[in-house]
Amino acid sequence: MRRFFWGVVVTLLILIALPLVLLGTGVFNMAATEGPGALETTLATWTVDRSVKVRAPQEISPVKDDPAAVEAGMVHYRAMCLQCHGAQDVQQHEFAQGLNPPPPDLAAAGKDWSDGELFWITKHGIRMTGMPAFGKSHSDEEIWQIVAFLRKLDNLSASQVAALREGEEAGHHHDHDAHEAGNQEAVAGHDEAADRAEPREAGGEDRLSEVEGETPYQR
C-alpha cells in the first residue's frame, strides 16, 4: 500500500514538473507570428466556449429588431470593432493582420453565438485574444445595440456599407511613402532648427548662455 501511495505521489510530481520544465526552457514560441498548434486551438476554443456559455445571460436582445438600436449599434461598431473585424465590403485595418488569434469574421462567426453570448463577449472581452471588454466604457444598453447590429452584418444595405467605409478611410492602410516623406520633412526641419541655433559669433560663444564662465554645452 505504501509503495502504491508513493508511486502515485511520484507520478503526480512528474506530471506537474515536466510541463514546468518544458515551459522554463522556452520551447514554446509565444510570438504572434507563430500560429497555434492543433492541441492549443482545440483546448482554447473549448475553454472559451464553456466559459461563455456558463456565464452569458439567457435573454434575447431587447432591441433585436429596433431600427434605431441597429443604427446606434453601427456607430459603436464603426468606432470600436471595425478596425479588427471589418465588415461586408469593408476591410479591417492594417494592424489587425498581425493579431493572433486573428479576429473572426463576425458576420459568420456571430451566428454560432446566442444574443446573450454575444452580449457577454462584448461586455467582458476574452483574455489573451485581443478582444477588449467594452463594459468598461459602454452601458448595457449600448452593448445590446452593438449586438443588434451584429445580427445585420451579413446583410448590410449600401448606405450602411458607405457609412462604415467612412471609418475605414479614417484609419485604414497607412501610406508608407507618405510616412517616409513625413520622416524626411521632420529631419529637414530638425536640421534647419539646429542651424538657427548655431552660435552667432566667431569662436562659438553665446553671450546669452554664459553664466559664470559656463558654456552652452555644459548645462
C-alpha atoms as a PDB file:
ATOM      1  CA  MET A   1       0.000   0.000   0.000  1.00  0.00           C
ATOM      2  CA  ARG A   2       2.823   2.354   0.883  1.00  0.00           C
ATOM      3  CA  ARG A   3       4.577   1.648  -2.410  1.00  0.00           C
ATOM      4  CA  PHE A   4       1.344   2.394  -4.276  1.00  0.00           C
ATOM      5  CA  PHE A   5       0.953   5.673  -2.395  1.00  0.00           C
ATOM      6  CA  TRP A   6       4.459   6.829  -3.185  1.00  0.00           C
ATOM      7  CA  GLY A   7       4.038   5.724  -6.784  1.00  0.00           C
ATOM      8  CA  VAL A   8       1.018   7.969  -7.118  1.00  0.00           C
ATOM      9  CA  VAL A   9       2.871  10.874  -5.475  1.00  0.00           C
ATOM     10  CA  VAL A  10       5.891  10.497  -7.772  1.00  0.00           C
ATOM     11  CA  THR A  11       3.655  10.251 -10.836  1.00  0.00           C
ATOM     12  CA  LEU A  12       1.825  13.429  -9.878  1.00  0.00           C
ATOM     13  CA  LEU A  13       5.082  15.269  -9.269  1.00  0.00           C
ATOM     14  CA  ILE A  14       6.360  14.238 -12.685  1.00  0.00           C
ATOM     15  CA  LEU A  15       3.124  15.356 -14.343  1.00  0.00           C
ATOM     16  CA  ILE A  16       3.427  18.751 -12.644  1.00  0.00           C
ATOM     17  CA  ALA A  17       7.177  19.195 -13.042  1.00  0.00           C
ATOM     18  CA  LEU A  18       7.507  18.127 -16.677  1.00  0.00           C
ATOM     19  CA  PRO A  19       5.314  20.915 -18.122  1.00  0.00           C
ATOM     20  CA  LEU A  20       7.095  23.456 -15.901  1.00  0.00           C
ATOM     21  CA  VAL A  21      10.478  22.272 -17.145  1.00  0.00           C
ATOM     22  CA  LEU A  22       9.323  22.494 -20.756  1.00  0.00           C
ATOM     23  CA  LEU A  23       7.940  25.998 -20.217  1.00  0.00           C
ATOM     24  CA  GLY A  24      11.150  27.040 -18.500  1.00  0.00           C
ATOM     25  CA  THR A  25      13.251  26.003 -21.496  1.00  0.00           C
ATOM     26  CA  GLY A  26      11.386  28.473 -23.731  1.00  0.00           C
ATOM     27  CA  VAL A  27      10.482  25.696 -26.152  1.00  0.00           C
ATOM     28  CA  PHE A  28       7.041  27.207 -26.732  1.00  0.00           C
ATOM     29  CA  ASN A  29       7.191  30.094 -29.190  1.00  0.00           C
ATOM     30  CA  MET A  30       4.885  32.872 -27.941  1.00  0.00           C
ATOM     31  CA  ALA A  31       5.441  35.139 -30.951  1.00  0.00           C
ATOM     32  CA  ALA A  32       2.278  36.431 -32.597  1.00  0.00           C
ATOM     33  CA  THR A  33       3.773  35.373 -35.930  1.00  0.00           C
ATOM     34  CA  GLU A  34       3.678  31.728 -34.798  1.00  0.00           C
ATOM     35  CA  GLY A  35       0.351  30.013 -35.420  1.00  0.00           C
ATOM     36  CA  PRO A  36      -1.151  27.857 -32.641  1.00  0.00           C
ATOM     37  CA  GLY A  37      -0.940  24.103 -32.824  1.00  0.00           C
ATOM     38  CA  ALA A  38      -3.932  21.787 -33.099  1.00  0.00           C
ATOM     39  CA  LEU A  39      -3.928  20.969 -29.377  1.00  0.00           C
ATOM     40  CA  GLU A  40      -3.752  24.632 -28.340  1.00  0.00           C
ATOM     41  CA  THR A  41      -6.529  25.572 -30.766  1.00  0.00           C
ATOM     42  CA  THR A  42      -8.795  22.767 -29.568  1.00  0.00           C
ATOM     43  CA  LEU A  43      -8.262  23.436 -25.869  1.00  0.00           C
ATOM     44  CA  ALA A  44      -8.529  27.222 -26.177  1.00  0.00           C
ATOM     45  CA  THR A  45     -11.693  27.050 -28.292  1.00  0.00           C
ATOM     46  CA  TRP A  46     -13.337  24.588 -25.932  1.00  0.00           C
ATOM     47  CA  THR A  47     -12.340  26.614 -22.850  1.00  0.00           C
ATOM     48  CA  VAL A  48     -13.707  29.881 -24.255  1.00  0.00           C
ATOM     49  CA  ASP A  49     -16.894  28.190 -25.408  1.00  0.00           C
ATOM     50  CA  ARG A  50     -17.584  26.677 -21.984  1.00  0.00           C
ATOM     51  CA  SER A  51     -16.652  29.878 -20.140  1.00  0.00           C
ATOM     52  CA  VAL A  52     -19.047  31.982 -22.209  1.00  0.00           C
ATOM     53  CA  LYS A  53     -21.938  29.537 -22.116  1.00  0.00           C
ATOM     54  CA  VAL A  54     -21.780  29.203 -18.328  1.00  0.00           C
ATOM     55  CA  ARG A  55     -21.771  32.970 -17.716  1.00  0.00           C
ATOM     56  CA  ALA A  56     -23.761  34.533 -20.559  1.00  0.00           C
ATOM     57  CA  PRO A  57     -27.346  35.728 -19.933  1.00  0.00           C
ATOM     58  CA  GLN A  58     -30.078  33.618 -21.472  1.00  0.00           C
ATOM     59  CA  GLU A  59     -32.226  36.522 -22.621  1.00  0.00           C
ATOM     60  CA  ILE A  60     -32.817  37.550 -26.221  1.00  0.00           C
ATOM     61  CA  SER A  61     -31.716  41.028 -27.217  1.00  0.00           C
ATOM     62  CA  PRO A  62     -34.367  43.518 -26.024  1.00  0.00           C
ATOM     63  CA  VAL A  63     -33.671  45.729 -29.069  1.00  0.00           C
ATOM     64  CA  LYS A  64     -33.219  42.995 -31.644  1.00  0.00           C
ATOM     65  CA  ASP A  65     -35.410  44.444 -34.387  1.00  0.00           C
ATOM     66  CA  ASP A  66     -35.321  48.114 -33.380  1.00  0.00           C
ATOM     67  CA  PRO A  67     -34.012  50.145 -36.375  1.00  0.00           C
ATOM     68  CA  ALA A  68     -32.833  52.944 -34.092  1.00  0.00           C
ATOM     69  CA  ALA A  69     -30.880  50.459 -31.977  1.00  0.00           C
ATOM     70  CA  VAL A  70     -29.310  48.902 -35.072  1.00  0.00           C
ATOM     71  CA  GLU A  71     -28.280  52.346 -36.283  1.00  0.00           C
ATOM     72  CA  ALA A  72     -26.770  53.238 -32.913  1.00  0.00           C
ATOM     73  CA  GLY A  73     -25.027  49.865 -32.804  1.00  0.00           C
ATOM     74  CA  MET A  74     -23.464  50.566 -36.200  1.00  0.00           C
ATOM     75  CA  VAL A  75     -21.964  53.810 -34.857  1.00  0.00           C
ATOM     76  CA  HIS A  76     -20.395  51.915 -31.948  1.00  0.00           C
ATOM     77  CA  TYR A  77     -19.226  49.124 -34.269  1.00  0.00           C
ATOM     78  CA  ARG A  78     -17.572  51.582 -36.625  1.00  0.00           C
ATOM     79  CA  ALA A  79     -15.742  53.259 -33.732  1.00  0.00           C
ATOM     80  CA  MET A  80     -14.782  50.163 -31.711  1.00  0.00           C
ATOM     81  CA  CYS A  81     -14.971  46.982 -33.811  1.00  0.00           C
ATOM     82  CA  LEU A  82     -14.423  47.739 -37.482  1.00  0.00           C
ATOM     83  CA  GLN A  83     -10.669  48.158 -37.138  1.00  0.00           C
ATOM     84  CA  CYS A  84     -10.192  44.495 -36.206  1.00  0.00           C
ATOM     85  CA  HIS A  85     -13.192  42.663 -37.619  1.00  0.00           C
ATOM     86  CA  GLY A  86     -14.006  44.603 -40.787  1.00  0.00           C
ATOM     87  CA  ALA A  87     -17.424  44.171 -42.388  1.00  0.00           C
ATOM     88  CA  GLN A  88     -19.146  43.403 -45.666  1.00  0.00           C
ATOM     89  CA  ASP A  89     -17.025  45.058 -48.398  1.00  0.00           C
ATOM     90  CA  VAL A  90     -15.034  46.885 -45.716  1.00  0.00           C
ATOM     91  CA  GLN A  91     -11.543  45.670 -44.846  1.00  0.00           C
ATOM     92  CA  GLN A  92     -10.097  45.522 -41.357  1.00  0.00           C
ATOM     93  CA  HIS A  93      -7.317  47.961 -40.540  1.00  0.00           C
ATOM     94  CA  GLU A  94      -3.736  47.058 -41.356  1.00  0.00           C
ATOM     95  CA  PHE A  95      -2.600  46.343 -37.796  1.00  0.00           C
ATOM     96  CA  ALA A  96      -5.275  43.642 -37.395  1.00  0.00           C
ATOM     97  CA  GLN A  97      -3.350  41.426 -39.815  1.00  0.00           C
ATOM     98  CA  GLY A  98      -0.776  40.900 -37.070  1.00  0.00           C
ATOM     99  CA  LEU A  99      -3.206  39.789 -34.379  1.00  0.00           C
ATOM    100  CA  ASN A 100      -3.005  36.181 -33.186  1.00  0.00           C
ATOM    101  CA  PRO A 101      -5.530  34.665 -32.946  1.00  0.00           C
ATOM    102  CA  PRO A 102      -6.933  36.563 -35.938  1.00  0.00           C
ATOM    103  CA  PRO A 103     -10.177  38.469 -35.343  1.00  0.00           C
ATOM    104  CA  PRO A 104     -13.118  36.425 -36.659  1.00  0.00           C
ATOM    105  CA  ASP A 105     -15.494  37.488 -39.406  1.00  0.00           C
ATOM    106  CA  LEU A 106     -18.446  38.375 -37.180  1.00  0.00           C
ATOM    107  CA  ALA A 107     -20.970  38.097 -39.993  1.00  0.00           C
ATOM    108  CA  ALA A 108     -20.271  34.346 -39.992  1.00  0.00           C
ATOM    109  CA  ALA A 109     -18.886  33.629 -36.513  1.00  0.00           C
ATOM    110  CA  GLY A 110     -21.632  35.636 -34.823  1.00  0.00           C
ATOM    111  CA  LYS A 111     -24.177  33.049 -35.944  1.00  0.00           C
ATOM    112  CA  ASP A 112     -22.556  30.494 -33.655  1.00  0.00           C
ATOM    113  CA  TRP A 113     -23.375  32.575 -30.566  1.00  0.00           C
ATOM    114  CA  SER A 114     -26.699  33.477 -28.969  1.00  0.00           C
ATOM    115  CA  ASP A 115     -27.678  37.093 -28.286  1.00  0.00           C
ATOM    116  CA  GLY A 116     -26.736  36.660 -24.646  1.00  0.00           C
ATOM    117  CA  GLU A 117     -23.362  35.159 -25.520  1.00  0.00           C
ATOM    118  CA  LEU A 118     -22.538  37.993 -27.920  1.00  0.00           C
ATOM    119  CA  PHE A 119     -23.544  40.440 -25.204  1.00  0.00           C
ATOM    120  CA  TRP A 120     -21.277  38.754 -22.653  1.00  0.00           C
ATOM    121  CA  ILE A 121     -18.283  38.585 -25.007  1.00  0.00           C
ATOM    122  CA  THR A 122     -18.693  42.236 -25.998  1.00  0.00           C
ATOM    123  CA  LYS A 123     -19.078  43.369 -22.404  1.00  0.00           C
ATOM    124  CA  HIS A 124     -16.358  41.284 -20.763  1.00  0.00           C
ATOM    125  CA  GLY A 125     -13.928  40.543 -23.606  1.00  0.00           C
ATOM    126  CA  ILE A 126     -11.761  37.441 -23.961  1.00  0.00           C
ATOM    127  CA  ARG A 127      -8.349  37.314 -22.326  1.00  0.00           C
ATOM    128  CA  MET A 128      -5.222  36.806 -24.468  1.00  0.00           C
ATOM    129  CA  THR A 129      -7.122  37.216 -27.738  1.00  0.00           C
ATOM    130  CA  GLY A 130      -7.029  40.986 -28.249  1.00  0.00           C
ATOM    131  CA  MET A 131     -10.773  41.221 -27.597  1.00  0.00           C
ATOM    132  CA  PRO A 132     -11.290  44.087 -25.099  1.00  0.00           C
ATOM    133  CA  ALA A 133     -14.050  44.450 -22.523  1.00  0.00           C
ATOM    134  CA  PHE A 134     -16.420  47.150 -23.746  1.00  0.00           C
ATOM    135  CA  GLY A 135     -18.277  47.043 -20.446  1.00  0.00           C
ATOM    136  CA  LYS A 136     -15.587  49.390 -19.105  1.00  0.00           C
ATOM    137  CA  SER A 137     -16.694  52.147 -21.451  1.00  0.00           C
ATOM    138  CA  HIS A 138     -20.212  51.212 -22.651  1.00  0.00           C
ATOM    139  CA  SER A 139     -23.531  50.766 -20.891  1.00  0.00           C
ATOM    140  CA  ASP A 140     -25.553  47.553 -21.180  1.00  0.00           C
ATOM    141  CA  GLU A 141     -27.991  49.371 -23.445  1.00  0.00           C
ATOM    142  CA  GLU A 142     -25.179  50.339 -25.821  1.00  0.00           C
ATOM    143  CA  ILE A 143     -23.819  46.798 -25.842  1.00  0.00           C
ATOM    144  CA  TRP A 144     -27.263  45.421 -26.738  1.00  0.00           C
ATOM    145  CA  GLN A 145     -27.290  47.943 -29.598  1.00  0.00           C
ATOM    146  CA  ILE A 146     -23.974  46.528 -30.828  1.00  0.00           C
ATOM    147  CA  VAL A 147     -25.437  43.011 -30.659  1.00  0.00           C
ATOM    148  CA  ALA A 148     -28.441  44.187 -32.676  1.00  0.00           C
ATOM    149  CA  PHE A 149     -26.124  45.484 -35.380  1.00  0.00           C
ATOM    150  CA  LEU A 150     -24.028  42.302 -35.360  1.00  0.00           C
ATOM    151  CA  ARG A 151     -27.159  40.406 -36.371  1.00  0.00           C
ATOM    152  CA  LYS A 152     -27.342  42.557 -39.527  1.00  0.00           C
ATOM    153  CA  LEU A 153     -23.700  42.194 -40.593  1.00  0.00           C
ATOM    154  CA  ASP A 154     -24.432  39.530 -43.198  1.00  0.00           C
ATOM    155  CA  ASN A 155     -26.988  41.704 -44.983  1.00  0.00           C
ATOM    156  CA  LEU A 156     -25.890  45.330 -44.870  1.00  0.00           C
ATOM    157  CA  SER A 157     -27.517  47.962 -47.024  1.00  0.00           C
ATOM    158  CA  ALA A 158     -25.496  50.108 -49.415  1.00  0.00           C
ATOM    159  CA  SER A 159     -25.883  53.103 -47.111  1.00  0.00           C
ATOM    160  CA  GLN A 160     -24.615  51.112 -44.129  1.00  0.00           C
ATOM    161  CA  VAL A 161     -21.563  49.928 -46.078  1.00  0.00           C
ATOM    162  CA  ALA A 162     -20.881  53.528 -47.126  1.00  0.00           C
ATOM    163  CA  ALA A 163     -21.155  54.703 -43.516  1.00  0.00           C
ATOM    164  CA  LEU A 164     -18.737  52.013 -42.345  1.00  0.00           C
ATOM    165  CA  ARG A 165     -16.271  52.914 -45.070  1.00  0.00           C
ATOM    166  CA  GLU A 166     -16.032  56.400 -43.625  1.00  0.00           C
ATOM    167  CA  GLY A 167     -14.487  54.763 -40.566  1.00  0.00           C
ATOM    168  CA  GLU A 168     -12.253  52.610 -42.792  1.00  0.00           C
ATOM    169  CA  GLU A 169     -10.862  55.627 -44.644  1.00  0.00           C
ATOM    170  CA  ALA A 170     -10.197  57.443 -41.379  1.00  0.00           C
ATOM    171  CA  GLY A 171      -7.540  54.993 -40.228  1.00  0.00           C
ATOM    172  CA  HIS A 172      -7.017  52.025 -42.523  1.00  0.00           C
ATOM    173  CA  HIS A 173      -3.852  51.248 -44.501  1.00  0.00           C
ATOM    174  CA  HIS A 174      -1.242  53.879 -43.826  1.00  0.00           C
ATOM    175  CA  ASP A 175       0.657  55.205 -46.814  1.00  0.00           C
ATOM    176  CA  HIS A 176       4.263  54.026 -46.418  1.00  0.00           C
ATOM    177  CA  ASP A 177       5.541  56.551 -48.993  1.00  0.00           C
ATOM    178  CA  ALA A 178       3.759  59.401 -47.232  1.00  0.00           C
ATOM    179  CA  HIS A 179       5.103  58.122 -43.921  1.00  0.00           C
ATOM    180  CA  GLU A 180       8.667  58.174 -45.270  1.00  0.00           C
ATOM    181  CA  ALA A 181       8.152  61.639 -46.740  1.00  0.00           C
ATOM    182  CA  GLY A 182       6.940  62.837 -43.368  1.00  0.00           C
ATOM    183  CA  ASN A 183      10.076  61.448 -41.739  1.00  0.00           C
ATOM    184  CA  GLN A 184      12.276  63.275 -44.247  1.00  0.00           C
ATOM    185  CA  GLU A 185      10.429  66.530 -43.629  1.00  0.00           C
ATOM    186  CA  ALA A 186      10.884  66.071 -39.890  1.00  0.00           C
ATOM    187  CA  VAL A 187      14.649  65.512 -40.330  1.00  0.00           C
ATOM    188  CA  ALA A 188      14.937  68.570 -42.594  1.00  0.00           C
ATOM    189  CA  GLY A 189      13.054  70.656 -40.043  1.00  0.00           C
ATOM    190  CA  HIS A 190      15.337  69.417 -37.275  1.00  0.00           C
ATOM    191  CA  ASP A 191      18.446  70.326 -39.285  1.00  0.00           C
ATOM    192  CA  GLU A 192      17.048  73.763 -40.047  1.00  0.00           C
ATOM    193  CA  ALA A 193      16.319  74.360 -36.384  1.00  0.00           C
ATOM    194  CA  ALA A 194      19.821  73.221 -35.486  1.00  0.00           C
ATOM    195  CA  ASP A 195      21.303  75.673 -37.997  1.00  0.00           C
ATOM    196  CA  ARG A 196      19.353  78.529 -36.444  1.00  0.00           C
ATOM    197  CA  ALA A 197      20.664  77.518 -33.024  1.00  0.00           C
ATOM    198  CA  GLU A 198      24.370  77.802 -34.068  1.00  0.00           C
ATOM    199  CA  PRO A 199      26.379  80.388 -32.071  1.00  0.00           C
ATOM    200  CA  ARG A 200      26.245  83.777 -33.779  1.00  0.00           C
ATOM    201  CA  GLU A 201      29.789  84.920 -33.020  1.00  0.00           C
ATOM    202  CA  ALA A 202      33.082  83.522 -34.260  1.00  0.00           C
ATOM    203  CA  GLY A 203      34.564  81.254 -31.648  1.00  0.00           C
ATOM    204  CA  GLY A 204      31.213  79.610 -30.851  1.00  0.00           C
ATOM    205  CA  GLU A 205      30.252  81.598 -27.743  1.00  0.00           C
ATOM    206  CA  ASP A 206      26.665  82.511 -26.982  1.00  0.00           C
ATOM    207  CA  ARG A 207      26.598  85.527 -24.661  1.00  0.00           C
ATOM    208  CA  LEU A 208      23.040  84.811 -23.563  1.00  0.00           C
ATOM    209  CA  SER A 209      24.154  81.392 -22.340  1.00  0.00           C
ATOM    210  CA  GLU A 210      27.153  82.492 -20.340  1.00  0.00           C
ATOM    211  CA  VAL A 211      26.723  82.046 -16.610  1.00  0.00           C
ATOM    212  CA  GLU A 212      29.954  82.489 -14.631  1.00  0.00           C
ATOM    213  CA  GLY A 213      32.066  81.117 -17.449  1.00  0.00           C
ATOM    214  CA  GLU A 214      29.683  78.286 -18.257  1.00  0.00           C
ATOM    215  CA  THR A 215      29.397  77.463 -21.965  1.00  0.00           C
ATOM    216  CA  PRO A 216      26.096  76.459 -23.630  1.00  0.00           C
ATOM    217  CA  TYR A 217      27.249  72.795 -23.757  1.00  0.00           C
ATOM    218  CA  GLN A 218      27.947  72.464 -20.043  1.00  0.00           C
ATOM    219  CA  ARG A 219      24.356  72.772 -18.828  1.00  0.00           C
END
